[in-house]
Amino acid sequence: MMVNDQVEVGGVDVSRETFATLKGLEGLVRKWSPAINLVSKATMSDLWDRHIADSAQLFLLCPPDARAWVDLGSGGGFPGLVLAAIAREKHPGLKFTLIEADRRKATFLRQAARSLGLPVVVLHQRIESLAPLQADVISARALAPLSDLLGFAAVHLRASGTAIFPKGARHAEELTEARNRWTFDIETRPSQSDRDSAVLVIRNIHRANQD
C-alpha cells in the first residue's frame, strides 16, 4: 500500500528507496534459490508475503536503544537482510551480524548485501563455535526448536537483550517444551502474515533449576 510516498511492508511504513531495496532482494533470491535452495519451492510463488513481509514485521519489535542485532541461520536473508534494509532508513545506528553455517548461503548473503548496499557482517560459522556476541537483539526464523534457540540466546544476548523468534502453529507446544529447560519472560505477538503463527519476544533467559 502506498501512502504519502511510503509503502507498507509487514506493517512497517518504508520509503520508496527501501521498498526498491527489498524488491531487489526478492529478485536476488529468485535468481539464486534454484541452485542453492534459499527458500522452498512451495513458497517461491508467494515469496514477498511469506518471507519478506513476514520478516519485516519483526522490525516493529526492535527496542529503540538497540545497537547490535544478530540473526542466526540467516539463509536467504530472512529476516536479517530484510531488517538491515529497513534499519538503514529507520534505525541507522543498528548494526547487523548474520550467522550462516552453509558456505553457499553465506556467499549469497555477502553478495546480496554488497549488491544492495547493506553494511552487514556475515559470519560463515556454526553458532556453537562463536564466542559470545553481546547482542542487543537476536532473531532466528525457521532454524531450530525454541528450546535450542534459547540456548543460543543465553550465550549471545546481553543481559538486557531481547530475543525475537517468529514461530508457526506449534508455538504453544514449543513454549511448553522450552519451559522444562529454561526460565524467561515472554510476550506473544500475533503474526501479521499468518493467523496460526506468532512472534515470541523473550527476555531474561536463564537455565531452569539453577541455584
N, C-alpha and C. Protein backbone atom coordinates (compact mmCIF):
# COMPACT_ATOMS: atom_id res chain seq x y z
N MET A 1 0.85 -1.20 0.00
CA MET A 1 0.00 0.00 0.00
C MET A 1 0.88 1.24 0.00
N MET A 2 0.56 2.21 -0.86
CA MET A 2 1.33 3.44 -0.97
C MET A 2 0.57 4.58 -0.32
N VAL A 3 1.16 5.22 0.71
CA VAL A 3 0.54 6.34 1.39
C VAL A 3 1.60 7.41 1.60
N ASN A 4 1.36 8.60 1.03
CA ASN A 4 2.28 9.73 1.23
C ASN A 4 3.72 9.34 0.93
N ASP A 5 3.91 8.68 -0.22
CA ASP A 5 5.23 8.28 -0.68
C ASP A 5 5.86 7.22 0.22
N GLN A 6 5.06 6.57 1.04
CA GLN A 6 5.52 5.47 1.88
C GLN A 6 4.84 4.18 1.41
N VAL A 7 5.51 3.08 1.59
CA VAL A 7 4.97 1.77 1.23
C VAL A 7 4.92 0.92 2.50
N GLU A 8 3.80 0.27 2.73
CA GLU A 8 3.67 -0.59 3.90
C GLU A 8 4.14 -1.99 3.58
N VAL A 9 5.10 -2.48 4.37
CA VAL A 9 5.63 -3.85 4.20
C VAL A 9 5.62 -4.52 5.57
N GLY A 10 4.78 -5.50 5.74
CA GLY A 10 4.72 -6.20 7.02
C GLY A 10 4.37 -5.30 8.18
N GLY A 11 3.56 -4.29 7.93
CA GLY A 11 3.17 -3.37 8.99
C GLY A 11 4.12 -2.22 9.21
N VAL A 12 5.22 -2.16 8.45
CA VAL A 12 6.22 -1.10 8.57
C VAL A 12 6.11 -0.18 7.37
N ASP A 13 5.98 1.11 7.60
CA ASP A 13 5.96 2.09 6.52
C ASP A 13 7.39 2.41 6.11
N VAL A 14 7.73 2.13 4.87
CA VAL A 14 9.09 2.36 4.39
C VAL A 14 9.06 3.28 3.18
N SER A 15 10.20 3.88 2.89
CA SER A 15 10.32 4.78 1.74
C SER A 15 10.35 3.98 0.44
N ARG A 16 10.18 4.71 -0.67
CA ARG A 16 10.29 4.07 -1.98
C ARG A 16 11.68 3.44 -2.16
N GLU A 17 12.71 4.10 -1.62
CA GLU A 17 14.07 3.58 -1.74
C GLU A 17 14.21 2.24 -1.02
N THR A 18 13.68 2.17 0.21
CA THR A 18 13.76 0.92 0.95
C THR A 18 12.93 -0.16 0.27
N PHE A 19 11.77 0.21 -0.23
CA PHE A 19 10.94 -0.74 -0.96
C PHE A 19 11.69 -1.30 -2.16
N ALA A 20 12.39 -0.43 -2.86
CA ALA A 20 13.16 -0.88 -4.03
C ALA A 20 14.27 -1.84 -3.61
N THR A 21 14.89 -1.58 -2.47
CA THR A 21 15.92 -2.49 -1.97
C THR A 21 15.33 -3.85 -1.67
N LEU A 22 14.16 -3.88 -1.05
CA LEU A 22 13.51 -5.16 -0.74
C LEU A 22 13.09 -5.89 -2.02
N LYS A 23 12.64 -5.15 -3.01
CA LYS A 23 12.31 -5.78 -4.29
C LYS A 23 13.58 -6.34 -4.95
N GLY A 24 14.69 -5.62 -4.75
CA GLY A 24 15.96 -6.12 -5.26
C GLY A 24 16.35 -7.43 -4.59
N LEU A 25 16.14 -7.51 -3.27
CA LEU A 25 16.41 -8.75 -2.56
C LEU A 25 15.52 -9.88 -3.08
N GLU A 26 14.25 -9.56 -3.30
CA GLU A 26 13.34 -10.57 -3.84
C GLU A 26 13.88 -11.14 -5.16
N GLY A 27 14.35 -10.26 -6.03
CA GLY A 27 14.89 -10.70 -7.31
C GLY A 27 16.12 -11.57 -7.16
N LEU A 28 16.99 -11.21 -6.22
CA LEU A 28 18.20 -12.00 -6.00
C LEU A 28 17.88 -13.39 -5.45
N VAL A 29 16.91 -13.44 -4.55
CA VAL A 29 16.52 -14.75 -4.01
C VAL A 29 15.94 -15.63 -5.11
N ARG A 30 15.12 -15.05 -5.96
CA ARG A 30 14.54 -15.83 -7.06
C ARG A 30 15.65 -16.32 -8.01
N LYS A 31 16.68 -15.53 -8.20
CA LYS A 31 17.77 -15.91 -9.10
C LYS A 31 18.63 -17.02 -8.52
N TRP A 32 18.94 -16.92 -7.23
CA TRP A 32 19.87 -17.86 -6.60
C TRP A 32 19.20 -19.13 -6.08
N SER A 33 17.94 -19.04 -5.72
CA SER A 33 17.31 -20.14 -5.00
C SER A 33 17.28 -21.47 -5.76
N PRO A 34 17.06 -21.48 -7.07
CA PRO A 34 17.06 -22.78 -7.75
C PRO A 34 18.36 -23.56 -7.59
N ALA A 35 19.47 -22.84 -7.43
CA ALA A 35 20.78 -23.51 -7.32
C ALA A 35 21.11 -23.90 -5.89
N ILE A 36 20.71 -23.09 -4.91
CA ILE A 36 21.14 -23.38 -3.53
C ILE A 36 19.98 -23.44 -2.54
N ASN A 37 18.75 -23.49 -3.03
CA ASN A 37 17.58 -23.75 -2.17
C ASN A 37 17.49 -22.75 -1.01
N LEU A 38 17.45 -21.47 -1.34
CA LEU A 38 17.34 -20.44 -0.30
C LEU A 38 15.97 -20.48 0.37
N VAL A 39 14.93 -20.73 -0.39
CA VAL A 39 13.58 -20.92 0.15
C VAL A 39 12.97 -22.12 -0.55
N SER A 40 11.96 -22.71 0.07
CA SER A 40 11.35 -23.90 -0.53
C SER A 40 10.59 -23.54 -1.81
N LYS A 41 10.54 -24.49 -2.72
CA LYS A 41 9.81 -24.26 -3.96
C LYS A 41 8.34 -23.95 -3.69
N ALA A 42 7.81 -24.54 -2.62
CA ALA A 42 6.39 -24.35 -2.31
C ALA A 42 6.05 -22.91 -1.96
N THR A 43 7.03 -22.15 -1.45
CA THR A 43 6.77 -20.77 -1.05
C THR A 43 7.27 -19.75 -2.07
N MET A 44 7.92 -20.20 -3.13
CA MET A 44 8.50 -19.26 -4.09
C MET A 44 7.44 -18.39 -4.75
N SER A 45 6.27 -18.94 -5.02
CA SER A 45 5.22 -18.15 -5.69
C SER A 45 4.68 -17.06 -4.79
N ASP A 46 4.87 -17.19 -3.49
CA ASP A 46 4.38 -16.20 -2.53
C ASP A 46 5.54 -15.62 -1.73
N LEU A 47 6.67 -15.45 -2.41
CA LEU A 47 7.91 -15.06 -1.75
C LEU A 47 7.78 -13.75 -0.97
N TRP A 48 7.11 -12.76 -1.55
CA TRP A 48 7.03 -11.45 -0.90
C TRP A 48 6.32 -11.54 0.45
N ASP A 49 5.13 -12.14 0.47
CA ASP A 49 4.37 -12.20 1.72
C ASP A 49 4.95 -13.22 2.70
N ARG A 50 5.34 -14.39 2.21
CA ARG A 50 5.77 -15.47 3.08
C ARG A 50 7.14 -15.21 3.69
N HIS A 51 7.98 -14.45 3.03
CA HIS A 51 9.34 -14.28 3.51
C HIS A 51 9.72 -12.82 3.78
N ILE A 52 9.44 -11.92 2.83
CA ILE A 52 9.87 -10.53 3.01
C ILE A 52 8.95 -9.80 3.99
N ALA A 53 7.65 -9.79 3.75
CA ALA A 53 6.75 -9.12 4.69
C ALA A 53 6.76 -9.80 6.05
N ASP A 54 6.84 -11.12 6.06
CA ASP A 54 6.89 -11.86 7.32
C ASP A 54 8.12 -11.47 8.13
N SER A 55 9.25 -11.24 7.46
CA SER A 55 10.46 -10.79 8.14
C SER A 55 10.35 -9.34 8.59
N ALA A 56 9.78 -8.49 7.74
CA ALA A 56 9.72 -7.05 8.03
C ALA A 56 8.97 -6.76 9.32
N GLN A 57 7.95 -7.55 9.64
CA GLN A 57 7.15 -7.27 10.83
C GLN A 57 7.98 -7.31 12.11
N LEU A 58 9.11 -8.01 12.11
CA LEU A 58 9.93 -8.10 13.31
C LEU A 58 10.55 -6.75 13.68
N PHE A 59 10.71 -5.88 12.68
CA PHE A 59 11.32 -4.58 12.97
C PHE A 59 10.48 -3.78 13.96
N LEU A 60 9.17 -3.99 13.97
CA LEU A 60 8.29 -3.27 14.88
C LEU A 60 8.59 -3.59 16.34
N LEU A 61 9.29 -4.69 16.59
CA LEU A 61 9.58 -5.14 17.95
C LEU A 61 11.00 -4.77 18.39
N CYS A 62 11.72 -4.06 17.56
CA CYS A 62 13.10 -3.69 17.88
C CYS A 62 13.13 -2.64 18.99
N PRO A 63 13.84 -2.88 20.10
CA PRO A 63 13.98 -1.86 21.13
C PRO A 63 14.63 -0.60 20.56
N PRO A 64 14.15 0.58 20.92
CA PRO A 64 14.66 1.80 20.30
C PRO A 64 16.14 2.07 20.59
N ASP A 65 16.66 1.49 21.68
CA ASP A 65 18.07 1.74 22.01
C ASP A 65 19.00 0.63 21.53
N ALA A 66 18.50 -0.31 20.75
CA ALA A 66 19.32 -1.42 20.27
C ALA A 66 20.41 -0.91 19.33
N ARG A 67 21.59 -1.49 19.46
CA ARG A 67 22.72 -1.11 18.60
C ARG A 67 23.31 -2.30 17.86
N ALA A 68 23.08 -3.52 18.34
CA ALA A 68 23.67 -4.71 17.71
C ALA A 68 22.61 -5.80 17.59
N TRP A 69 22.30 -6.19 16.36
CA TRP A 69 21.31 -7.22 16.09
C TRP A 69 22.03 -8.40 15.44
N VAL A 70 21.84 -9.59 15.99
CA VAL A 70 22.44 -10.80 15.45
C VAL A 70 21.32 -11.71 14.94
N ASP A 71 21.42 -12.12 13.68
CA ASP A 71 20.44 -13.02 13.08
C ASP A 71 21.10 -14.38 12.89
N LEU A 72 20.48 -15.41 13.46
CA LEU A 72 21.05 -16.75 13.44
C LEU A 72 20.46 -17.56 12.29
N GLY A 73 21.32 -18.25 11.55
CA GLY A 73 20.84 -19.07 10.45
C GLY A 73 20.14 -18.26 9.37
N SER A 74 20.82 -17.25 8.87
CA SER A 74 20.17 -16.24 8.02
C SER A 74 19.72 -16.77 6.67
N GLY A 75 20.33 -17.83 6.16
CA GLY A 75 19.86 -18.47 4.93
C GLY A 75 19.75 -17.53 3.75
N GLY A 76 18.52 -17.28 3.30
CA GLY A 76 18.27 -16.40 2.17
C GLY A 76 18.15 -14.92 2.54
N GLY A 77 18.52 -14.59 3.78
CA GLY A 77 18.44 -13.20 4.22
C GLY A 77 17.19 -12.87 5.00
N PHE A 78 16.50 -13.92 5.45
CA PHE A 78 15.24 -13.74 6.18
C PHE A 78 15.41 -14.20 7.62
N PRO A 79 15.30 -13.28 8.57
CA PRO A 79 14.93 -11.88 8.38
C PRO A 79 16.10 -10.90 8.23
N GLY A 80 17.35 -11.36 8.36
CA GLY A 80 18.47 -10.44 8.52
C GLY A 80 18.61 -9.35 7.49
N LEU A 81 18.63 -9.71 6.19
CA LEU A 81 18.81 -8.68 5.16
C LEU A 81 17.59 -7.77 5.05
N VAL A 82 16.40 -8.34 5.24
CA VAL A 82 15.19 -7.52 5.21
C VAL A 82 15.25 -6.45 6.30
N LEU A 83 15.62 -6.86 7.51
CA LEU A 83 15.67 -5.93 8.64
C LEU A 83 16.79 -4.92 8.47
N ALA A 84 17.91 -5.35 7.92
CA ALA A 84 19.01 -4.42 7.68
C ALA A 84 18.60 -3.34 6.68
N ALA A 85 17.82 -3.72 5.67
CA ALA A 85 17.35 -2.73 4.69
C ALA A 85 16.43 -1.71 5.34
N ILE A 86 15.55 -2.18 6.21
CA ILE A 86 14.62 -1.27 6.89
C ILE A 86 15.37 -0.40 7.89
N ALA A 87 16.31 -1.00 8.62
CA ALA A 87 17.06 -0.25 9.62
C ALA A 87 17.92 0.84 9.00
N ARG A 88 18.41 0.63 7.79
CA ARG A 88 19.21 1.66 7.12
C ARG A 88 18.42 2.97 7.04
N GLU A 89 17.11 2.86 6.87
CA GLU A 89 16.25 4.04 6.83
C GLU A 89 15.77 4.46 8.21
N LYS A 90 15.32 3.49 9.01
CA LYS A 90 14.59 3.78 10.25
C LYS A 90 15.47 3.83 11.49
N HIS A 91 16.60 3.12 11.47
CA HIS A 91 17.42 2.98 12.68
C HIS A 91 18.88 2.83 12.25
N PRO A 92 19.46 3.90 11.68
CA PRO A 92 20.77 3.79 11.04
C PRO A 92 21.92 3.43 11.97
N GLY A 93 21.74 3.54 13.27
CA GLY A 93 22.80 3.15 14.19
C GLY A 93 22.82 1.67 14.52
N LEU A 94 21.90 0.91 13.97
CA LEU A 94 21.77 -0.50 14.30
C LEU A 94 22.64 -1.33 13.35
N LYS A 95 23.54 -2.12 13.94
CA LYS A 95 24.47 -2.95 13.17
C LYS A 95 23.99 -4.40 13.15
N PHE A 96 24.10 -5.02 11.99
CA PHE A 96 23.62 -6.39 11.82
C PHE A 96 24.77 -7.36 11.58
N THR A 97 24.70 -8.49 12.29
CA THR A 97 25.61 -9.61 12.06
C THR A 97 24.76 -10.81 11.70
N LEU A 98 25.04 -11.43 10.55
CA LEU A 98 24.29 -12.57 10.06
C LEU A 98 25.16 -13.81 10.17
N ILE A 99 24.63 -14.86 10.81
CA ILE A 99 25.37 -16.10 11.02
C ILE A 99 24.80 -17.16 10.09
N GLU A 100 25.66 -17.80 9.32
CA GLU A 100 25.20 -18.85 8.40
C GLU A 100 26.27 -19.92 8.25
N ALA A 101 25.92 -21.16 8.59
CA ALA A 101 26.88 -22.26 8.54
C ALA A 101 27.09 -22.82 7.14
N ASP A 102 26.10 -22.66 6.26
CA ASP A 102 26.20 -23.18 4.91
C ASP A 102 27.03 -22.23 4.05
N ARG A 103 28.11 -22.74 3.47
CA ARG A 103 29.04 -21.88 2.74
C ARG A 103 28.36 -21.17 1.57
N ARG A 104 27.55 -21.90 0.80
CA ARG A 104 26.92 -21.29 -0.38
C ARG A 104 25.92 -20.21 0.03
N LYS A 105 25.19 -20.45 1.10
CA LYS A 105 24.24 -19.43 1.56
C LYS A 105 24.97 -18.22 2.14
N ALA A 106 26.09 -18.46 2.82
CA ALA A 106 26.88 -17.33 3.32
C ALA A 106 27.42 -16.49 2.16
N THR A 107 27.81 -17.17 1.08
CA THR A 107 28.27 -16.45 -0.11
C THR A 107 27.14 -15.61 -0.69
N PHE A 108 25.95 -16.20 -0.77
CA PHE A 108 24.79 -15.43 -1.24
C PHE A 108 24.57 -14.19 -0.37
N LEU A 109 24.60 -14.37 0.95
CA LEU A 109 24.35 -13.24 1.85
C LEU A 109 25.34 -12.11 1.62
N ARG A 110 26.62 -12.47 1.46
CA ARG A 110 27.64 -11.44 1.24
C ARG A 110 27.41 -10.71 -0.09
N GLN A 111 27.14 -11.47 -1.13
CA GLN A 111 26.97 -10.85 -2.45
C GLN A 111 25.68 -10.04 -2.51
N ALA A 112 24.62 -10.54 -1.88
CA ALA A 112 23.37 -9.79 -1.85
C ALA A 112 23.54 -8.49 -1.07
N ALA A 113 24.20 -8.56 0.07
CA ALA A 113 24.42 -7.36 0.87
C ALA A 113 25.24 -6.33 0.10
N ARG A 114 26.25 -6.80 -0.62
CA ARG A 114 27.08 -5.89 -1.42
C ARG A 114 26.26 -5.26 -2.54
N SER A 115 25.46 -6.07 -3.21
CA SER A 115 24.65 -5.58 -4.32
C SER A 115 23.62 -4.57 -3.86
N LEU A 116 23.06 -4.78 -2.66
CA LEU A 116 22.01 -3.91 -2.14
C LEU A 116 22.55 -2.75 -1.31
N GLY A 117 23.86 -2.72 -1.08
CA GLY A 117 24.45 -1.64 -0.31
C GLY A 117 24.15 -1.71 1.17
N LEU A 118 24.05 -2.93 1.70
CA LEU A 118 23.73 -3.10 3.12
C LEU A 118 25.01 -3.48 3.87
N PRO A 119 25.44 -2.66 4.84
CA PRO A 119 26.71 -2.90 5.52
C PRO A 119 26.60 -3.92 6.65
N VAL A 120 26.21 -5.14 6.30
CA VAL A 120 26.09 -6.19 7.31
C VAL A 120 27.39 -6.97 7.39
N VAL A 121 27.58 -7.64 8.52
CA VAL A 121 28.69 -8.58 8.68
C VAL A 121 28.13 -9.98 8.56
N VAL A 122 28.70 -10.79 7.70
CA VAL A 122 28.27 -12.18 7.52
C VAL A 122 29.37 -13.09 8.06
N LEU A 123 29.01 -13.96 9.00
CA LEU A 123 29.95 -14.92 9.57
C LEU A 123 29.59 -16.33 9.10
N HIS A 124 30.49 -16.94 8.36
CA HIS A 124 30.28 -18.32 7.91
C HIS A 124 30.84 -19.24 8.99
N GLN A 125 30.01 -19.48 10.00
CA GLN A 125 30.41 -20.32 11.14
C GLN A 125 29.19 -21.00 11.71
N ARG A 126 29.44 -22.09 12.43
CA ARG A 126 28.37 -22.69 13.22
C ARG A 126 28.13 -21.84 14.46
N ILE A 127 26.91 -21.69 14.86
CA ILE A 127 26.57 -20.85 16.01
C ILE A 127 27.31 -21.33 17.25
N GLU A 128 27.40 -22.65 17.40
CA GLU A 128 28.02 -23.23 18.60
C GLU A 128 29.50 -22.88 18.73
N SER A 129 30.14 -22.51 17.62
CA SER A 129 31.58 -22.23 17.65
C SER A 129 31.91 -20.78 17.96
N LEU A 130 30.91 -19.93 18.03
CA LEU A 130 31.14 -18.50 18.19
C LEU A 130 31.35 -18.11 19.64
N ALA A 131 32.28 -17.18 19.86
CA ALA A 131 32.39 -16.55 21.18
C ALA A 131 31.16 -15.68 21.39
N PRO A 132 30.79 -15.40 22.66
CA PRO A 132 29.60 -14.58 22.93
C PRO A 132 29.63 -13.26 22.16
N LEU A 133 28.52 -12.93 21.51
CA LEU A 133 28.45 -11.78 20.62
C LEU A 133 27.90 -10.52 21.28
N GLN A 134 27.34 -10.64 22.47
CA GLN A 134 26.83 -9.48 23.21
C GLN A 134 25.83 -8.67 22.39
N ALA A 135 24.85 -9.35 21.85
CA ALA A 135 23.84 -8.70 21.02
C ALA A 135 22.77 -8.03 21.87
N ASP A 136 22.23 -6.95 21.36
CA ASP A 136 21.05 -6.33 21.97
C ASP A 136 19.78 -7.07 21.55
N VAL A 137 19.81 -7.60 20.31
CA VAL A 137 18.67 -8.34 19.77
C VAL A 137 19.21 -9.57 19.05
N ILE A 138 18.53 -10.69 19.23
CA ILE A 138 18.81 -11.90 18.47
C ILE A 138 17.53 -12.36 17.80
N SER A 139 17.64 -12.76 16.55
CA SER A 139 16.49 -13.31 15.84
C SER A 139 16.90 -14.63 15.18
N ALA A 140 15.90 -15.44 14.89
CA ALA A 140 16.10 -16.67 14.13
C ALA A 140 14.74 -17.06 13.58
N ARG A 141 14.74 -17.47 12.35
CA ARG A 141 13.48 -17.79 11.67
C ARG A 141 13.61 -19.17 11.02
N ALA A 142 12.72 -20.09 11.41
CA ALA A 142 12.69 -21.44 10.83
C ALA A 142 14.05 -22.12 10.96
N LEU A 143 14.67 -22.01 12.13
CA LEU A 143 16.01 -22.54 12.33
C LEU A 143 16.04 -23.78 13.22
N ALA A 144 15.38 -23.72 14.39
CA ALA A 144 15.50 -24.78 15.37
C ALA A 144 14.34 -24.69 16.36
N PRO A 145 14.12 -25.76 17.15
CA PRO A 145 13.11 -25.67 18.21
C PRO A 145 13.42 -24.55 19.18
N LEU A 146 12.39 -24.02 19.82
CA LEU A 146 12.56 -22.87 20.70
C LEU A 146 13.57 -23.14 21.81
N SER A 147 13.55 -24.34 22.39
CA SER A 147 14.47 -24.64 23.47
C SER A 147 15.92 -24.48 23.03
N ASP A 148 16.25 -24.92 21.81
CA ASP A 148 17.60 -24.75 21.28
C ASP A 148 17.92 -23.28 21.02
N LEU A 149 16.95 -22.55 20.50
CA LEU A 149 17.16 -21.12 20.24
C LEU A 149 17.44 -20.37 21.53
N LEU A 150 16.77 -20.74 22.61
CA LEU A 150 17.02 -20.08 23.88
C LEU A 150 18.44 -20.36 24.38
N GLY A 151 18.95 -21.55 24.07
CA GLY A 151 20.33 -21.84 24.43
C GLY A 151 21.30 -20.93 23.70
N PHE A 152 21.06 -20.70 22.42
CA PHE A 152 21.91 -19.76 21.67
C PHE A 152 21.77 -18.35 22.22
N ALA A 153 20.53 -17.94 22.50
CA ALA A 153 20.31 -16.58 23.00
C ALA A 153 20.96 -16.38 24.36
N ALA A 154 20.93 -17.39 25.21
CA ALA A 154 21.54 -17.27 26.53
C ALA A 154 23.04 -16.98 26.43
N VAL A 155 23.67 -17.48 25.38
CA VAL A 155 25.10 -17.25 25.18
C VAL A 155 25.36 -15.89 24.55
N HIS A 156 24.56 -15.51 23.57
CA HIS A 156 24.92 -14.39 22.72
C HIS A 156 24.18 -13.08 22.99
N LEU A 157 23.18 -13.09 23.86
CA LEU A 157 22.48 -11.86 24.22
C LEU A 157 23.15 -11.16 25.39
N ARG A 158 23.14 -9.83 25.37
CA ARG A 158 23.45 -9.07 26.58
C ARG A 158 22.40 -9.39 27.64
N ALA A 159 22.73 -9.11 28.89
CA ALA A 159 21.79 -9.39 29.99
C ALA A 159 20.48 -8.67 29.78
N SER A 160 20.51 -7.49 29.17
CA SER A 160 19.30 -6.70 28.94
C SER A 160 18.70 -6.92 27.57
N GLY A 161 19.21 -7.93 26.84
CA GLY A 161 18.83 -8.09 25.45
C GLY A 161 17.47 -8.75 25.23
N THR A 162 17.07 -8.76 23.97
CA THR A 162 15.75 -9.26 23.56
C THR A 162 15.92 -10.29 22.45
N ALA A 163 15.27 -11.44 22.60
CA ALA A 163 15.22 -12.44 21.53
C ALA A 163 13.87 -12.33 20.83
N ILE A 164 13.89 -12.34 19.51
CA ILE A 164 12.67 -12.23 18.71
C ILE A 164 12.61 -13.43 17.78
N PHE A 165 11.68 -14.34 18.06
CA PHE A 165 11.59 -15.58 17.31
C PHE A 165 10.20 -15.77 16.72
N PRO A 166 10.04 -15.62 15.41
CA PRO A 166 8.76 -15.97 14.78
C PRO A 166 8.61 -17.48 14.78
N LYS A 167 7.41 -17.94 15.13
CA LYS A 167 7.14 -19.38 15.23
C LYS A 167 5.81 -19.70 14.58
N GLY A 168 5.67 -20.95 14.13
CA GLY A 168 4.48 -21.39 13.43
C GLY A 168 3.39 -21.88 14.35
N ALA A 169 2.54 -22.74 13.81
CA ALA A 169 1.34 -23.16 14.53
C ALA A 169 1.63 -23.94 15.80
N ARG A 170 2.84 -24.50 15.91
CA ARG A 170 3.20 -25.27 17.10
C ARG A 170 3.85 -24.42 18.19
N HIS A 171 3.71 -23.10 18.12
CA HIS A 171 4.44 -22.26 19.07
C HIS A 171 4.08 -22.53 20.52
N ALA A 172 2.82 -22.82 20.81
CA ALA A 172 2.42 -23.09 22.20
C ALA A 172 3.08 -24.38 22.70
N GLU A 173 3.13 -25.38 21.86
CA GLU A 173 3.78 -26.64 22.22
C GLU A 173 5.28 -26.44 22.45
N GLU A 174 5.91 -25.64 21.59
CA GLU A 174 7.34 -25.36 21.76
C GLU A 174 7.60 -24.60 23.06
N LEU A 175 6.70 -23.69 23.41
CA LEU A 175 6.85 -22.96 24.68
C LEU A 175 6.80 -23.91 25.87
N THR A 176 5.86 -24.82 25.84
CA THR A 176 5.74 -25.79 26.93
C THR A 176 7.02 -26.62 27.07
N GLU A 177 7.54 -27.09 25.94
CA GLU A 177 8.78 -27.87 25.96
C GLU A 177 9.95 -27.03 26.47
N ALA A 178 10.03 -25.77 26.03
CA ALA A 178 11.16 -24.91 26.42
C ALA A 178 11.17 -24.64 27.92
N ARG A 179 10.02 -24.57 28.52
CA ARG A 179 9.95 -24.25 29.96
C ARG A 179 10.48 -25.39 30.83
N ASN A 180 10.69 -26.56 30.25
CA ASN A 180 11.34 -27.64 31.00
C ASN A 180 12.82 -27.37 31.22
N ARG A 181 13.40 -26.54 30.37
CA ARG A 181 14.85 -26.28 30.44
C ARG A 181 15.20 -24.84 30.76
N TRP A 182 14.24 -23.92 30.56
CA TRP A 182 14.57 -22.50 30.65
C TRP A 182 13.50 -21.74 31.42
N THR A 183 13.94 -20.65 32.06
CA THR A 183 13.00 -19.66 32.57
C THR A 183 13.21 -18.39 31.77
N PHE A 184 12.13 -17.64 31.54
CA PHE A 184 12.22 -16.45 30.70
C PHE A 184 10.93 -15.66 30.81
N ASP A 185 11.02 -14.39 30.45
CA ASP A 185 9.86 -13.52 30.33
C ASP A 185 9.47 -13.47 28.86
N ILE A 186 8.17 -13.54 28.57
CA ILE A 186 7.75 -13.63 27.18
C ILE A 186 6.53 -12.78 26.89
N GLU A 187 6.55 -12.18 25.72
CA GLU A 187 5.36 -11.58 25.11
C GLU A 187 5.08 -12.36 23.83
N THR A 188 3.85 -12.78 23.65
CA THR A 188 3.47 -13.49 22.43
C THR A 188 2.64 -12.56 21.57
N ARG A 189 3.18 -12.21 20.40
CA ARG A 189 2.51 -11.29 19.49
C ARG A 189 1.92 -12.07 18.30
N PRO A 190 0.73 -11.71 17.86
CA PRO A 190 0.19 -12.38 16.68
C PRO A 190 1.01 -12.03 15.44
N SER A 191 1.20 -13.00 14.59
CA SER A 191 1.89 -12.75 13.33
C SER A 191 0.97 -11.99 12.39
N GLN A 192 1.55 -11.02 11.67
CA GLN A 192 0.76 -10.26 10.70
C GLN A 192 0.61 -11.00 9.38
N SER A 193 1.37 -12.07 9.20
CA SER A 193 1.36 -12.76 7.91
C SER A 193 0.68 -14.12 7.96
N ASP A 194 0.43 -14.66 9.15
CA ASP A 194 -0.17 -15.99 9.27
C ASP A 194 -0.93 -16.05 10.58
N ARG A 195 -2.23 -16.23 10.52
CA ARG A 195 -3.05 -16.18 11.73
C ARG A 195 -2.75 -17.31 12.70
N ASP A 196 -2.14 -18.40 12.22
CA ASP A 196 -1.81 -19.52 13.11
C ASP A 196 -0.43 -19.38 13.74
N SER A 197 0.33 -18.41 13.30
CA SER A 197 1.70 -18.22 13.78
C SER A 197 1.77 -17.11 14.82
N ALA A 198 2.93 -16.97 15.43
CA ALA A 198 3.14 -15.94 16.45
C ALA A 198 4.59 -15.49 16.41
N VAL A 199 4.82 -14.33 16.98
CA VAL A 199 6.19 -13.84 17.17
C VAL A 199 6.43 -13.81 18.68
N LEU A 200 7.45 -14.53 19.12
CA LEU A 200 7.78 -14.63 20.53
C LEU A 200 8.87 -13.62 20.86
N VAL A 201 8.60 -12.75 21.81
CA VAL A 201 9.55 -11.73 22.25
C VAL A 201 9.98 -12.12 23.65
N ILE A 202 11.24 -12.47 23.81
CA ILE A 202 11.69 -13.15 25.03
C ILE A 202 12.87 -12.40 25.65
N ARG A 203 12.83 -12.26 26.97
CA ARG A 203 13.90 -11.59 27.72
C ARG A 203 14.20 -12.38 28.99
N ASN A 204 15.31 -12.04 29.63
CA ASN A 204 15.68 -12.61 30.94
C ASN A 204 15.72 -14.14 30.88
N ILE A 205 16.56 -14.65 29.99
CA ILE A 205 16.65 -16.09 29.75
C ILE A 205 17.67 -16.71 30.69
N HIS A 206 17.24 -17.74 31.42
CA HIS A 206 18.14 -18.46 32.32
C HIS A 206 17.80 -19.94 32.28
N ARG A 207 18.78 -20.79 32.56
CA ARG A 207 18.50 -22.21 32.66
C ARG A 207 17.61 -22.48 33.86
N ALA A 208 16.69 -23.38 33.69
CA ALA A 208 15.78 -23.73 34.79
C ALA A 208 16.54 -24.51 35.86
N ASN A 209 16.02 -24.42 37.10
CA ASN A 209 16.53 -25.21 38.22
C ASN A 209 17.98 -24.91 38.55
N GLN A 210 18.38 -23.65 38.30
CA GLN A 210 19.72 -23.25 38.71
C GLN A 210 19.67 -22.64 40.11
N ASP A 211 20.66 -22.95 40.90
CA ASP A 211 20.74 -22.35 42.24
C ASP A 211 21.18 -20.89 42.15
